[in-house]
Structure formats: C-alpha cells, structure tokens
Amino acid sequence: MLTSERIPSYFTSKFPDGTPTHALYAAFLTNGNAEDLEEFNAWRKTWPSRQDFEDSMPILWSESLRNYLPPSISSHWHSIQSRDKLHEHEKLFLFDARPGATRRSK
C-alpha cells in the first residue's frame, strides 16, 4: 500500500512543507522514478490514458468543440441575474425560501 512514508525523500524534498498528501501521491505516481513505480505498474495500467481524458472531458476540448456545449457547462452562461439586479418581488421570494425566514412587514 502506498503511504506518504513510502514516497522517497529525494522526491518529497522537492515540495514545500504542508503539501497535501494526495498532491504528493498524485505527483509521485505520475512523475516518480520508473524504478520506484515498478510495483504499481499493474495498477497504473488500469488508469485512463491522456487520450481518454481528452475524448471525455470538455475542459480539454478545443474552443470550437466547447461552443457546442450547453451554456451551463460551457462557461458561456451569462443569463443568471446577480442579486443586485433582482426585482423586489424576486428578492422577497428568495428571502421566504430560506429556512427559518420570516417576512418583515413594510
């Protein structure tokens, strides 16, 4: 089992103190010395390839392909109003929807 103590010090010394353990694991398993990673080869062969990620993750698609995505996941969704621009009746609705909220009379 991989633990932070099993990551060689020559590798961990390249990172600042306080680096999260999962960041060390990810860095080591993707960039560690081939000899140190040999025992993990069977497991690593099950990982998706870079091409798998490029084919399935819109964040890695070209801009021309991302334009075909719905606005909610393409980062082109500008139709949501900020709360500053809401009408008074919309603000009251949002206030009333909060747990424990009570409407103040005017």
N, C-alpha and C. Protein backbone atom coordinates (compact mmCIF):
# COMPACT_ATOMS: atom_id res chain seq x y z
N MET A 1 0.84 -1.18 0.00
CA MET A 1 0.00 0.00 0.00
C MET A 1 0.89 1.24 0.00
N LEU A 2 0.49 2.21 -0.77
CA LEU A 2 1.25 3.45 -0.84
C LEU A 2 0.89 4.35 0.33
N THR A 3 1.89 4.76 1.06
CA THR A 3 1.73 5.73 2.14
C THR A 3 2.74 6.84 1.90
N SER A 4 2.55 7.95 2.56
CA SER A 4 3.48 9.07 2.36
C SER A 4 4.89 8.70 2.80
N GLU A 5 5.02 7.79 3.76
CA GLU A 5 6.35 7.36 4.21
C GLU A 5 7.08 6.54 3.16
N ARG A 6 6.34 5.94 2.23
CA ARG A 6 6.96 5.12 1.19
C ARG A 6 7.40 5.93 -0.02
N ILE A 7 7.03 7.18 -0.07
CA ILE A 7 7.50 8.03 -1.17
C ILE A 7 8.92 8.45 -0.83
N PRO A 8 9.87 8.22 -1.73
CA PRO A 8 11.28 8.51 -1.44
C PRO A 8 11.50 9.98 -1.07
N SER A 9 12.43 10.19 -0.15
CA SER A 9 12.71 11.56 0.33
C SER A 9 13.28 12.43 -0.79
N TYR A 10 14.01 11.82 -1.76
CA TYR A 10 14.53 12.63 -2.86
C TYR A 10 13.37 13.28 -3.62
N PHE A 11 12.20 12.65 -3.59
CA PHE A 11 11.03 13.18 -4.28
C PHE A 11 10.27 14.17 -3.41
N THR A 12 9.99 13.79 -2.17
CA THR A 12 9.19 14.66 -1.29
C THR A 12 9.93 15.94 -0.92
N SER A 13 11.25 15.91 -0.95
CA SER A 13 12.02 17.11 -0.59
C SER A 13 11.85 18.23 -1.61
N LYS A 14 11.30 17.92 -2.77
CA LYS A 14 11.08 18.93 -3.81
C LYS A 14 9.83 19.78 -3.54
N PHE A 15 9.05 19.38 -2.53
CA PHE A 15 7.78 20.05 -2.23
C PHE A 15 7.88 20.82 -0.93
N PRO A 16 7.15 21.92 -0.82
CA PRO A 16 7.17 22.70 0.43
C PRO A 16 6.48 21.93 1.56
N ASP A 17 6.86 22.25 2.79
CA ASP A 17 6.20 21.67 3.95
C ASP A 17 4.71 21.97 3.88
N GLY A 18 3.91 21.02 4.29
CA GLY A 18 2.47 21.22 4.29
C GLY A 18 1.79 20.85 2.99
N THR A 19 2.56 20.33 2.01
CA THR A 19 1.93 19.89 0.77
C THR A 19 0.95 18.77 1.10
N PRO A 20 -0.29 18.85 0.63
CA PRO A 20 -1.27 17.81 0.95
C PRO A 20 -0.80 16.42 0.49
N THR A 21 -1.12 15.43 1.28
CA THR A 21 -0.70 14.06 1.00
C THR A 21 -1.18 13.60 -0.38
N HIS A 22 -2.42 13.93 -0.71
CA HIS A 22 -2.94 13.49 -2.01
C HIS A 22 -2.19 14.15 -3.17
N ALA A 23 -1.71 15.35 -2.97
CA ALA A 23 -0.91 16.00 -4.01
C ALA A 23 0.41 15.27 -4.18
N LEU A 24 1.01 14.85 -3.07
CA LEU A 24 2.26 14.07 -3.15
C LEU A 24 2.02 12.74 -3.86
N TYR A 25 0.93 12.05 -3.52
CA TYR A 25 0.62 10.78 -4.18
C TYR A 25 0.47 10.99 -5.69
N ALA A 26 -0.31 11.98 -6.06
CA ALA A 26 -0.55 12.23 -7.49
C ALA A 26 0.74 12.57 -8.21
N ALA A 27 1.55 13.43 -7.60
CA ALA A 27 2.81 13.82 -8.23
C ALA A 27 3.74 12.63 -8.36
N PHE A 28 3.85 11.84 -7.30
CA PHE A 28 4.75 10.69 -7.31
C PHE A 28 4.30 9.65 -8.33
N LEU A 29 3.02 9.32 -8.33
CA LEU A 29 2.52 8.27 -9.23
C LEU A 29 2.55 8.67 -10.69
N THR A 30 2.58 9.95 -10.97
CA THR A 30 2.64 10.39 -12.36
C THR A 30 4.02 10.85 -12.80
N ASN A 31 4.89 11.18 -11.85
CA ASN A 31 6.20 11.73 -12.21
C ASN A 31 7.38 11.09 -11.49
N GLY A 32 7.12 10.06 -10.69
CA GLY A 32 8.20 9.43 -9.94
C GLY A 32 9.15 8.64 -10.83
N ASN A 33 10.25 8.22 -10.24
CA ASN A 33 11.25 7.40 -10.92
C ASN A 33 10.62 6.07 -11.33
N ALA A 34 10.88 5.62 -12.55
CA ALA A 34 10.28 4.38 -13.07
C ALA A 34 10.58 3.19 -12.17
N GLU A 35 11.78 3.12 -11.63
CA GLU A 35 12.14 2.00 -10.73
C GLU A 35 11.28 2.02 -9.47
N ASP A 36 11.06 3.20 -8.91
CA ASP A 36 10.25 3.32 -7.69
C ASP A 36 8.78 2.98 -7.95
N LEU A 37 8.35 3.17 -9.17
CA LEU A 37 6.94 2.95 -9.51
C LEU A 37 6.65 1.55 -10.04
N GLU A 38 7.70 0.75 -10.21
CA GLU A 38 7.55 -0.57 -10.81
C GLU A 38 6.49 -1.43 -10.11
N GLU A 39 6.46 -1.41 -8.78
CA GLU A 39 5.50 -2.25 -8.05
C GLU A 39 4.05 -1.81 -8.28
N PHE A 40 3.85 -0.62 -8.81
CA PHE A 40 2.49 -0.11 -9.05
C PHE A 40 2.07 -0.26 -10.52
N ASN A 41 2.90 -0.88 -11.36
CA ASN A 41 2.61 -0.95 -12.79
C ASN A 41 1.28 -1.62 -13.12
N ALA A 42 0.95 -2.73 -12.45
CA ALA A 42 -0.31 -3.41 -12.75
C ALA A 42 -1.49 -2.48 -12.47
N TRP A 43 -1.42 -1.76 -11.39
CA TRP A 43 -2.48 -0.82 -11.03
C TRP A 43 -2.52 0.35 -12.01
N ARG A 44 -1.34 0.88 -12.36
CA ARG A 44 -1.27 2.04 -13.24
C ARG A 44 -1.78 1.73 -14.64
N LYS A 45 -1.68 0.48 -15.05
CA LYS A 45 -2.17 0.10 -16.39
C LYS A 45 -3.69 0.20 -16.50
N THR A 46 -4.38 0.27 -15.37
CA THR A 46 -5.85 0.40 -15.40
C THR A 46 -6.29 1.85 -15.50
N TRP A 47 -5.37 2.77 -15.36
CA TRP A 47 -5.71 4.20 -15.39
C TRP A 47 -6.10 4.63 -16.79
N PRO A 48 -6.97 5.63 -16.90
CA PRO A 48 -7.28 6.17 -18.23
C PRO A 48 -6.05 6.86 -18.83
N SER A 49 -5.99 6.82 -20.13
CA SER A 49 -4.88 7.49 -20.83
C SER A 49 -5.18 8.97 -20.98
N ARG A 50 -4.19 9.71 -21.37
CA ARG A 50 -4.40 11.14 -21.65
C ARG A 50 -5.47 11.29 -22.74
N GLN A 51 -5.42 10.40 -23.74
CA GLN A 51 -6.40 10.46 -24.82
C GLN A 51 -7.81 10.21 -24.30
N ASP A 52 -7.95 9.30 -23.34
CA ASP A 52 -9.27 9.06 -22.73
C ASP A 52 -9.80 10.35 -22.11
N PHE A 53 -8.94 11.06 -21.41
CA PHE A 53 -9.36 12.33 -20.80
C PHE A 53 -9.73 13.35 -21.86
N GLU A 54 -8.91 13.46 -22.90
CA GLU A 54 -9.18 14.45 -23.95
C GLU A 54 -10.48 14.15 -24.69
N ASP A 55 -10.80 12.86 -24.81
CA ASP A 55 -12.04 12.49 -25.50
C ASP A 55 -13.28 12.72 -24.66
N SER A 56 -13.15 12.66 -23.35
CA SER A 56 -14.34 12.67 -22.50
C SER A 56 -14.51 13.88 -21.59
N MET A 57 -13.51 14.75 -21.50
CA MET A 57 -13.60 15.89 -20.59
C MET A 57 -13.64 17.20 -21.38
N PRO A 58 -14.79 17.86 -21.39
CA PRO A 58 -14.93 19.10 -22.17
C PRO A 58 -13.89 20.16 -21.86
N ILE A 59 -13.36 20.17 -20.63
CA ILE A 59 -12.36 21.18 -20.30
C ILE A 59 -11.10 21.03 -21.17
N LEU A 60 -10.91 19.85 -21.73
CA LEU A 60 -9.74 19.60 -22.58
C LEU A 60 -10.06 19.70 -24.07
N TRP A 61 -11.31 19.98 -24.40
CA TRP A 61 -11.69 20.10 -25.80
C TRP A 61 -11.26 21.45 -26.35
N SER A 62 -11.14 21.52 -27.67
CA SER A 62 -10.83 22.79 -28.32
C SER A 62 -12.01 23.74 -28.15
N GLU A 63 -11.75 25.01 -28.26
CA GLU A 63 -12.80 26.03 -28.11
C GLU A 63 -13.92 25.79 -29.12
N SER A 64 -13.57 25.37 -30.34
CA SER A 64 -14.61 25.16 -31.36
C SER A 64 -15.57 24.04 -30.95
N LEU A 65 -15.09 23.01 -30.26
CA LEU A 65 -15.98 21.95 -29.79
C LEU A 65 -16.76 22.36 -28.55
N ARG A 66 -16.12 23.13 -27.68
CA ARG A 66 -16.81 23.57 -26.46
C ARG A 66 -17.98 24.49 -26.78
N ASN A 67 -17.95 25.15 -27.93
CA ASN A 67 -19.05 26.03 -28.32
C ASN A 67 -20.36 25.27 -28.52
N TYR A 68 -20.29 23.95 -28.74
CA TYR A 68 -21.49 23.15 -28.92
C TYR A 68 -22.10 22.68 -27.60
N LEU A 69 -21.43 22.92 -26.50
CA LEU A 69 -21.93 22.51 -25.20
C LEU A 69 -23.05 23.43 -24.74
N PRO A 70 -23.94 22.93 -23.89
CA PRO A 70 -24.97 23.81 -23.34
C PRO A 70 -24.33 24.90 -22.49
N PRO A 71 -24.95 26.06 -22.40
CA PRO A 71 -24.36 27.18 -21.67
C PRO A 71 -23.99 26.85 -20.22
N SER A 72 -24.75 25.98 -19.58
CA SER A 72 -24.50 25.71 -18.17
C SER A 72 -23.15 25.05 -17.92
N ILE A 73 -22.57 24.38 -18.91
CA ILE A 73 -21.26 23.76 -18.70
C ILE A 73 -20.18 24.31 -19.62
N SER A 74 -20.52 25.28 -20.44
CA SER A 74 -19.53 25.83 -21.36
C SER A 74 -18.90 27.11 -20.85
N SER A 75 -19.33 27.56 -19.70
CA SER A 75 -18.88 28.82 -19.09
C SER A 75 -19.33 30.03 -19.90
N HIS A 76 -20.34 29.84 -20.74
CA HIS A 76 -20.90 30.96 -21.51
C HIS A 76 -22.28 31.34 -20.98
N TRP A 77 -22.59 30.96 -19.77
CA TRP A 77 -23.91 31.20 -19.21
C TRP A 77 -23.90 32.54 -18.50
N HIS A 78 -24.41 33.54 -19.18
CA HIS A 78 -24.45 34.88 -18.61
C HIS A 78 -25.88 35.34 -18.39
N SER A 79 -26.82 34.41 -18.42
CA SER A 79 -28.22 34.79 -18.30
C SER A 79 -28.70 34.85 -16.85
N ILE A 80 -27.88 34.44 -15.90
CA ILE A 80 -28.29 34.49 -14.50
C ILE A 80 -28.06 35.90 -13.97
N GLN A 81 -29.12 36.48 -13.42
CA GLN A 81 -29.02 37.83 -12.87
C GLN A 81 -28.30 37.79 -11.54
N SER A 82 -27.54 38.82 -11.28
CA SER A 82 -26.97 38.93 -9.94
C SER A 82 -28.07 39.37 -9.00
N ARG A 83 -27.90 39.13 -7.71
CA ARG A 83 -28.94 39.51 -6.74
C ARG A 83 -29.15 41.02 -6.70
N ASP A 84 -28.15 41.78 -7.09
CA ASP A 84 -28.29 43.23 -7.10
C ASP A 84 -29.32 43.69 -8.14
N LYS A 85 -29.52 42.89 -9.19
CA LYS A 85 -30.41 43.29 -10.28
C LYS A 85 -31.79 42.67 -10.17
N LEU A 86 -32.07 41.94 -9.11
CA LEU A 86 -33.38 41.32 -8.95
C LEU A 86 -34.44 42.36 -8.63
N HIS A 87 -35.66 42.10 -9.08
CA HIS A 87 -36.80 42.94 -8.72
C HIS A 87 -37.18 42.67 -7.27
N GLU A 88 -37.90 43.59 -6.67
CA GLU A 88 -38.26 43.46 -5.25
C GLU A 88 -39.03 42.17 -4.97
N HIS A 89 -39.98 41.80 -5.85
CA HIS A 89 -40.75 40.58 -5.60
C HIS A 89 -39.87 39.33 -5.68
N GLU A 90 -38.83 39.36 -6.51
CA GLU A 90 -37.91 38.23 -6.59
C GLU A 90 -37.07 38.13 -5.31
N LYS A 91 -36.68 39.27 -4.77
CA LYS A 91 -35.91 39.27 -3.52
C LYS A 91 -36.75 38.71 -2.39
N LEU A 92 -38.04 39.09 -2.34
CA LEU A 92 -38.92 38.57 -1.29
C LEU A 92 -39.08 37.07 -1.41
N PHE A 93 -39.20 36.57 -2.64
CA PHE A 93 -39.33 35.13 -2.85
C PHE A 93 -38.08 34.41 -2.35
N LEU A 94 -36.92 34.91 -2.69
CA LEU A 94 -35.67 34.28 -2.24
C LEU A 94 -35.57 34.32 -0.73
N PHE A 95 -35.97 35.43 -0.12
CA PHE A 95 -35.90 35.55 1.33
C PHE A 95 -36.84 34.53 1.97
N ASP A 96 -38.07 34.42 1.46
CA ASP A 96 -39.05 33.50 2.03
C ASP A 96 -38.63 32.04 1.87
N ALA A 97 -37.80 31.74 0.89
CA ALA A 97 -37.39 30.36 0.64
C ALA A 97 -36.32 29.88 1.61
N ARG A 98 -35.69 30.79 2.34
CA ARG A 98 -34.64 30.38 3.27
C ARG A 98 -35.24 29.72 4.50
N PRO A 99 -34.60 28.66 5.02
CA PRO A 99 -35.12 28.01 6.23
C PRO A 99 -35.21 28.99 7.40
N GLY A 100 -36.33 28.98 8.09
CA GLY A 100 -36.50 29.81 9.27
C GLY A 100 -36.73 31.28 8.99
N ALA A 101 -36.90 31.64 7.72
CA ALA A 101 -37.08 33.05 7.38
C ALA A 101 -38.50 33.49 7.72
N THR A 102 -38.61 34.70 8.18
CA THR A 102 -39.93 35.30 8.41
C THR A 102 -39.97 36.61 7.65
N ARG A 103 -41.09 36.86 7.02
CA ARG A 103 -41.23 38.08 6.23
C ARG A 103 -41.45 39.27 7.15
N ARG A 104 -40.70 40.31 6.86
CA ARG A 104 -40.88 41.55 7.61
C ARG A 104 -41.96 42.38 6.96
N SER A 105 -42.83 42.95 7.73
CA SER A 105 -43.86 43.82 7.14
C SER A 105 -43.25 45.18 6.87
N LYS A 106 -43.80 45.84 5.87
CA LYS A 106 -43.28 47.16 5.49
C LYS A 106 -44.00 48.24 6.23
